[in-house]
Amino acid sequence: MENDKTCPEHVTVDLTGVGGWEDFWGRIQTAFVFSDGFGKNWDAFWDVLSKECPPRGAPAAGKAAPAEE
């Protein structure tokens, strides 16, 4: 089931002054509203997103953006 708090359409994570991995993952956890049990690593991040959030298209920008058909 989709979780509206964990799966917002847009997320902004302020990484200004991040002080290490613990701080980085704390900011990710706060921005995405992950539970206290969040594992604070890339595997845990992907697990939450892939299990809680439906697939959506992701916008791409820049020179390497795929051409629209």
PDB file of N, CA and C in Angstrom:
ATOM      1  N   MET A   1       0.852  -1.183   0.000  1.00  0.00           N
ATOM      2  CA  MET A   1       0.000   0.000   0.000  1.00  0.00           C
ATOM      3  C   MET A   1       0.887   1.231   0.000  1.00  0.00           C
ATOM      4  N   GLU A   2       0.495   2.206  -0.777  1.00  0.00           N
ATOM      5  CA  GLU A   2       1.257   3.438  -0.877  1.00  0.00           C
ATOM      6  C   GLU A   2       1.117   4.249   0.407  1.00  0.00           C
ATOM      7  N   ASN A   3       2.221   4.745   0.907  1.00  0.00           N
ATOM      8  CA  ASN A   3       2.266   5.582   2.094  1.00  0.00           C
ATOM      9  C   ASN A   3       2.498   7.014   1.632  1.00  0.00           C
ATOM     10  N   ASP A   4       1.499   7.882   1.781  1.00  0.00           N
ATOM     11  CA  ASP A   4       1.593   9.257   1.281  1.00  0.00           C
ATOM     12  C   ASP A   4       2.735  10.038   1.917  1.00  0.00           C
ATOM     13  N   LYS A   5       3.072   9.749   3.178  1.00  0.00           N
ATOM     14  CA  LYS A   5       4.155  10.480   3.829  1.00  0.00           C
ATOM     15  C   LYS A   5       5.514   9.996   3.336  1.00  0.00           C
ATOM     16  N   THR A   6       5.684   8.688   3.158  1.00  0.00           N
ATOM     17  CA  THR A   6       6.950   8.136   2.705  1.00  0.00           C
ATOM     18  C   THR A   6       7.124   8.319   1.207  1.00  0.00           C
ATOM     19  N   CYS A   7       6.048   8.456   0.464  1.00  0.00           N
ATOM     20  CA  CYS A   7       6.098   8.499  -0.989  1.00  0.00           C
ATOM     21  C   CYS A   7       5.593   9.824  -1.563  1.00  0.00           C
ATOM     22  N   PRO A   8       6.138  10.945  -1.116  1.00  0.00           N
ATOM     23  CA  PRO A   8       5.689  12.205  -1.706  1.00  0.00           C
ATOM     24  C   PRO A   8       6.147  12.286  -3.158  1.00  0.00           C
ATOM     25  N   GLU A   9       5.490  13.125  -3.926  1.00  0.00           N
ATOM     26  CA  GLU A   9       5.859  13.266  -5.331  1.00  0.00           C
ATOM     27  C   GLU A   9       7.236  13.909  -5.484  1.00  0.00           C
ATOM     28  N   HIS A  10       7.571  14.842  -4.597  1.00  0.00           N
ATOM     29  CA  HIS A  10       8.866  15.519  -4.631  1.00  0.00           C
ATOM     30  C   HIS A  10       9.428  15.555  -3.221  1.00  0.00           C
ATOM     31  N   VAL A  11      10.726  15.369  -3.100  1.00  0.00           N
ATOM     32  CA  VAL A  11      11.400  15.434  -1.802  1.00  0.00           C
ATOM     33  C   VAL A  11      12.629  16.307  -1.953  1.00  0.00           C
ATOM     34  N   THR A  12      12.829  17.200  -0.996  1.00  0.00           N
ATOM     35  CA  THR A  12      14.040  18.008  -0.950  1.00  0.00           C
ATOM     36  C   THR A  12      14.789  17.635   0.314  1.00  0.00           C
ATOM     37  N   VAL A  13      16.045  17.281   0.157  1.00  0.00           N
ATOM     38  CA  VAL A  13      16.894  16.935   1.300  1.00  0.00           C
ATOM     39  C   VAL A  13      18.016  17.957   1.358  1.00  0.00           C
ATOM     40  N   ASP A  14      18.067  18.711   2.439  1.00  0.00           N
ATOM     41  CA  ASP A  14      19.122  19.708   2.618  1.00  0.00           C
ATOM     42  C   ASP A  14      20.341  19.012   3.206  1.00  0.00           C
ATOM     43  N   LEU A  15      21.403  18.913   2.414  1.00  0.00           N
ATOM     44  CA  LEU A  15      22.627  18.257   2.861  1.00  0.00           C
ATOM     45  C   LEU A  15      23.716  19.264   3.230  1.00  0.00           C
ATOM     46  N   THR A  16      23.314  20.528   3.376  1.00  0.00           N
ATOM     47  CA  THR A  16      24.260  21.558   3.770  1.00  0.00           C
ATOM     48  C   THR A  16      24.876  21.210   5.113  1.00  0.00           C
ATOM     49  N   GLY A  17      26.185  21.154   5.165  1.00  0.00           N
ATOM     50  CA  GLY A  17      26.886  20.918   6.418  1.00  0.00           C
ATOM     51  C   GLY A  17      26.750  19.511   6.972  1.00  0.00           C
ATOM     52  N   VAL A  18      26.357  18.549   6.137  1.00  0.00           N
ATOM     53  CA  VAL A  18      26.194  17.180   6.627  1.00  0.00           C
ATOM     54  C   VAL A  18      27.509  16.728   7.275  1.00  0.00           C
ATOM     55  N   GLY A  19      27.399  16.108   8.433  1.00  0.00           N
ATOM     56  CA  GLY A  19      28.587  15.784   9.225  1.00  0.00           C
ATOM     57  C   GLY A  19      28.997  14.327   9.214  1.00  0.00           C
ATOM     58  N   GLY A  20      28.610  13.586   8.227  1.00  0.00           N
ATOM     59  CA  GLY A  20      28.976  12.169   8.166  1.00  0.00           C
ATOM     60  C   GLY A  20      27.765  11.327   7.796  1.00  0.00           C
ATOM     61  N   TRP A  21      27.977  10.023   7.730  1.00  0.00           N
ATOM     62  CA  TRP A  21      26.911   9.119   7.288  1.00  0.00           C
ATOM     63  C   TRP A  21      25.701   9.111   8.218  1.00  0.00           C
ATOM     64  N   GLU A  22      25.929   9.135   9.506  1.00  0.00           N
ATOM     65  CA  GLU A  22      24.802   9.125  10.461  1.00  0.00           C
ATOM     66  C   GLU A  22      23.923  10.360  10.249  1.00  0.00           C
ATOM     67  N   ASP A  23      24.562  11.501  10.091  1.00  0.00           N
ATOM     68  CA  ASP A  23      23.838  12.748   9.824  1.00  0.00           C
ATOM     69  C   ASP A  23      23.124  12.680   8.477  1.00  0.00           C
ATOM     70  N   PHE A  24      23.824  12.183   7.441  1.00  0.00           N
ATOM     71  CA  PHE A  24      23.229  12.028   6.112  1.00  0.00           C
ATOM     72  C   PHE A  24      21.961  11.187   6.179  1.00  0.00           C
ATOM     73  N   TRP A  25      22.057   9.993   6.782  1.00  0.00           N
ATOM     74  CA  TRP A  25      20.887   9.104   6.834  1.00  0.00           C
ATOM     75  C   TRP A  25      19.783   9.667   7.724  1.00  0.00           C
ATOM     76  N   GLY A  26      20.136  10.414   8.745  1.00  0.00           N
ATOM     77  CA  GLY A  26      19.125  11.072   9.565  1.00  0.00           C
ATOM     78  C   GLY A  26      18.314  12.080   8.761  1.00  0.00           C
ATOM     79  N   ARG A  27      18.991  12.801   7.883  1.00  0.00           N
ATOM     80  CA  ARG A  27      18.292  13.778   7.035  1.00  0.00           C
ATOM     81  C   ARG A  27      17.413  13.087   6.000  1.00  0.00           C
ATOM     82  N   ILE A  28      17.904  11.975   5.448  1.00  0.00           N
ATOM     83  CA  ILE A  28      17.088  11.183   4.520  1.00  0.00           C
ATOM     84  C   ILE A  28      15.849  10.663   5.248  1.00  0.00           C
ATOM     85  N   GLN A  29      16.050  10.109   6.426  1.00  0.00           N
ATOM     86  CA  GLN A  29      14.940   9.565   7.216  1.00  0.00           C
ATOM     87  C   GLN A  29      13.903  10.639   7.519  1.00  0.00           C
ATOM     88  N   THR A  30      14.341  11.817   7.872  1.00  0.00           N
ATOM     89  CA  THR A  30      13.423  12.919   8.173  1.00  0.00           C
ATOM     90  C   THR A  30      12.687  13.380   6.919  1.00  0.00           C
ATOM     91  N   ALA A  31      13.423  13.572   5.829  1.00  0.00           N
ATOM     92  CA  ALA A  31      12.815  14.080   4.595  1.00  0.00           C
ATOM     93  C   ALA A  31      11.769  13.120   4.034  1.00  0.00           C
ATOM     94  N   PHE A  32      12.034  11.826   4.116  1.00  0.00           N
ATOM     95  CA  PHE A  32      11.108  10.834   3.570  1.00  0.00           C
ATOM     96  C   PHE A  32      10.107  10.321   4.606  1.00  0.00           C
ATOM     97  N   VAL A  33      10.218  10.786   5.849  1.00  0.00           N
ATOM     98  CA  VAL A  33       9.327  10.380   6.941  1.00  0.00           C
ATOM     99  C   VAL A  33       9.370   8.851   7.124  1.00  0.00           C
ATOM    100  N   PHE A  34      10.596   8.303   7.155  1.00  0.00           N
ATOM    101  CA  PHE A  34      10.773   6.879   7.409  1.00  0.00           C
ATOM    102  C   PHE A  34      10.613   6.610   8.900  1.00  0.00           C
ATOM    103  N   SER A  35      10.202   5.402   9.244  1.00  0.00           N
ATOM    104  CA  SER A  35      10.001   5.018  10.648  1.00  0.00           C
ATOM    105  C   SER A  35      11.334   4.955  11.391  1.00  0.00           C
ATOM    106  N   ASP A  36      11.239   4.858  12.706  1.00  0.00           N
ATOM    107  CA  ASP A  36      12.436   4.769  13.547  1.00  0.00           C
ATOM    108  C   ASP A  36      13.247   3.507  13.250  1.00  0.00           C
ATOM    109  N   GLY A  37      12.630   2.502  12.662  1.00  0.00           N
ATOM    110  CA  GLY A  37      13.319   1.261  12.345  1.00  0.00           C
ATOM    111  C   GLY A  37      14.102   1.290  11.044  1.00  0.00           C
ATOM    112  N   PHE A  38      14.131   2.436  10.374  1.00  0.00           N
ATOM    113  CA  PHE A  38      14.861   2.557   9.108  1.00  0.00           C
ATOM    114  C   PHE A  38      16.337   2.217   9.318  1.00  0.00           C
ATOM    115  N   GLY A  39      16.895   1.366   8.445  1.00  0.00           N
ATOM    116  CA  GLY A  39      18.242   0.840   8.611  1.00  0.00           C
ATOM    117  C   GLY A  39      19.394   1.782   8.309  1.00  0.00           C
ATOM    118  N   LYS A  40      19.127   2.948   7.783  1.00  0.00           N
ATOM    119  CA  LYS A  40      20.146   3.967   7.509  1.00  0.00           C
ATOM    120  C   LYS A  40      21.292   3.448   6.636  1.00  0.00           C
ATOM    121  N   ASN A  41      20.927   2.863   5.498  1.00  0.00           N
ATOM    122  CA  ASN A  41      21.899   2.472   4.487  1.00  0.00           C
ATOM    123  C   ASN A  41      21.166   2.379   3.153  1.00  0.00           C
ATOM    124  N   TRP A  42      21.914   2.254   2.046  1.00  0.00           N
ATOM    125  CA  TRP A  42      21.288   2.252   0.721  1.00  0.00           C
ATOM    126  C   TRP A  42      20.348   1.071   0.526  1.00  0.00           C
ATOM    127  N   ASP A  43      20.681  -0.097   1.065  1.00  0.00           N
ATOM    128  CA  ASP A  43      19.785  -1.253   0.935  1.00  0.00           C
ATOM    129  C   ASP A  43      18.452  -0.993   1.626  1.00  0.00           C
ATOM    130  N   ALA A  44      18.511  -0.430   2.822  1.00  0.00           N
ATOM    131  CA  ALA A  44      17.281  -0.119   3.554  1.00  0.00           C
ATOM    132  C   ALA A  44      16.476   0.953   2.830  1.00  0.00           C
ATOM    133  N   PHE A  45      17.161   1.949   2.290  1.00  0.00           N
ATOM    134  CA  PHE A  45      16.498   3.016   1.538  1.00  0.00           C
ATOM    135  C   PHE A  45      15.726   2.417   0.358  1.00  0.00           C
ATOM    136  N   TRP A  46      16.392   1.582  -0.424  1.00  0.00           N
ATOM    137  CA  TRP A  46      15.740   0.959  -1.579  1.00  0.00           C
ATOM    138  C   TRP A  46      14.594   0.045  -1.141  1.00  0.00           C
ATOM    139  N   ASP A  47      14.793  -0.720  -0.068  1.00  0.00           N
ATOM    140  CA  ASP A  47      13.736  -1.605   0.428  1.00  0.00           C
ATOM    141  C   ASP A  47      12.474  -0.828   0.749  1.00  0.00           C
ATOM    142  N   VAL A  48      12.606   0.292   1.457  1.00  0.00           N
ATOM    143  CA  VAL A  48      11.433   1.091   1.820  1.00  0.00           C
ATOM    144  C   VAL A  48      10.758   1.639   0.570  1.00  0.00           C
ATOM    145  N   LEU A  49      11.538   2.236  -0.330  1.00  0.00           N
ATOM    146  CA  LEU A  49      10.941   2.819  -1.527  1.00  0.00           C
ATOM    147  C   LEU A  49      10.295   1.765  -2.412  1.00  0.00           C
ATOM    148  N   SER A  50      10.944   0.633  -2.594  1.00  0.00           N
ATOM    149  CA  SER A  50      10.404  -0.385  -3.494  1.00  0.00           C
ATOM    150  C   SER A  50       9.201  -1.107  -2.914  1.00  0.00           C
ATOM    151  N   LYS A  51       9.093  -1.178  -1.605  1.00  0.00           N
ATOM    152  CA  LYS A  51       7.956  -1.871  -0.981  1.00  0.00           C
ATOM    153  C   LYS A  51       6.788  -0.942  -0.675  1.00  0.00           C
ATOM    154  N   GLU A  52       7.093   0.309  -0.371  1.00  0.00           N
ATOM    155  CA  GLU A  52       6.061   1.247   0.072  1.00  0.00           C
ATOM    156  C   GLU A  52       5.520   2.141  -1.044  1.00  0.00           C
ATOM    157  N   CYS A  53       6.309   2.362  -2.092  1.00  0.00           N
ATOM    158  CA  CYS A  53       5.952   3.344  -3.102  1.00  0.00           C
ATOM    159  C   CYS A  53       5.705   2.704  -4.465  1.00  0.00           C
ATOM    160  N   PRO A  54       4.670   3.144  -5.143  1.00  0.00           N
ATOM    161  CA  PRO A  54       4.404   2.627  -6.487  1.00  0.00           C
ATOM    162  C   PRO A  54       5.424   3.189  -7.469  1.00  0.00           C
ATOM    163  N   PRO A  55       5.719   2.464  -8.542  1.00  0.00           N
ATOM    164  CA  PRO A  55       6.647   2.999  -9.537  1.00  0.00           C
ATOM    165  C   PRO A  55       6.070   4.242 -10.206  1.00  0.00           C
ATOM    166  N   ARG A  56       6.918   5.205 -10.464  1.00  0.00           N
ATOM    167  CA  ARG A  56       6.537   6.432 -11.167  1.00  0.00           C
ATOM    168  C   ARG A  56       7.647   6.763 -12.141  1.00  0.00           C
ATOM    169  N   GLY A  57       7.312   7.528 -13.135  1.00  0.00           N
ATOM    170  CA  GLY A  57       8.348   8.027 -14.028  1.00  0.00           C
ATOM    171  C   GLY A  57       9.171   9.066 -13.290  1.00  0.00           C
ATOM    172  N   ALA A  58      10.436   9.130 -13.588  1.00  0.00           N
ATOM    173  CA  ALA A  58      11.307  10.121 -12.967  1.00  0.00           C
ATOM    174  C   ALA A  58      11.732  11.125 -14.029  1.00  0.00           C
ATOM    175  N   PRO A  59      11.587  12.417 -13.737  1.00  0.00           N
ATOM    176  CA  PRO A  59      12.013  13.405 -14.722  1.00  0.00           C
ATOM    177  C   PRO A  59      13.532  13.396 -14.853  1.00  0.00           C
ATOM    178  N   ALA A  60      13.997  13.616 -16.050  1.00  0.00           N
ATOM    179  CA  ALA A  60      15.436  13.702 -16.296  1.00  0.00           C
ATOM    180  C   ALA A  60      15.726  15.062 -16.909  1.00  0.00           C
ATOM    181  N   ALA A  61      16.842  15.637 -16.544  1.00  0.00           N
ATOM    182  CA  ALA A  61      17.213  16.940 -17.090  1.00  0.00           C
ATOM    183  C   ALA A  61      18.696  16.929 -17.400  1.00  0.00           C
ATOM    184  N   GLY A  62      19.097  17.786 -18.310  1.00  0.00           N
ATOM    185  CA  GLY A  62      20.501  17.894 -18.656  1.00  0.00           C
ATOM    186  C   GLY A  62      20.780  17.351 -20.037  1.00  0.00           C
ATOM    187  N   LYS A  63      22.043  17.361 -20.407  1.00  0.00           N
ATOM    188  CA  LYS A  63      22.455  16.943 -21.741  1.00  0.00           C
ATOM    189  C   LYS A  63      22.183  15.469 -22.006  1.00  0.00           C
ATOM    190  N   ALA A  64      22.178  14.631 -20.979  1.00  0.00           N
ATOM    191  CA  ALA A  64      22.038  13.200 -21.154  1.00  0.00           C
ATOM    192  C   ALA A  64      20.574  12.744 -21.067  1.00  0.00           C
ATOM    193  N   ALA A  65      19.647  13.691 -21.009  1.00  0.00           N
ATOM    194  CA  ALA A  65      18.226  13.325 -20.899  1.00  0.00           C
ATOM    195  C   ALA A  65      17.777  12.586 -22.166  1.00  0.00           C
ATOM    196  N   PRO A  66      17.012  11.510 -21.996  1.00  0.00           N
ATOM    197  CA  PRO A  66      16.543  10.763 -23.174  1.00  0.00           C
ATOM    198  C   PRO A  66      15.564  11.610 -24.000  1.00  0.00           C
ATOM    199  N   ALA A  67      15.590  11.406 -25.294  1.00  0.00           N
ATOM    200  CA  ALA A  67      14.684  12.128 -26.181  1.00  0.00           C
ATOM    201  C   ALA A  67      13.263  11.638 -25.963  1.00  0.00           C
ATOM    202  N   GLU A  68      12.297  12.552 -25.996  1.00  0.00           N
ATOM    203  CA  GLU A  68      10.888  12.161 -25.867  1.00  0.00           C
ATOM    204  C   GLU A  68      10.409  11.599 -27.182  1.00  0.00           C
ATOM    205  N   GLU A  69       9.610  10.545 -27.091  1.00  0.00           N
ATOM    206  CA  GLU A  69       9.081   9.919 -28.311  1.00  0.00           C
ATOM    207  C   GLU A  69       7.703  10.415 -28.608  1.00  0.00           C
TER     208      GLU A  69
END
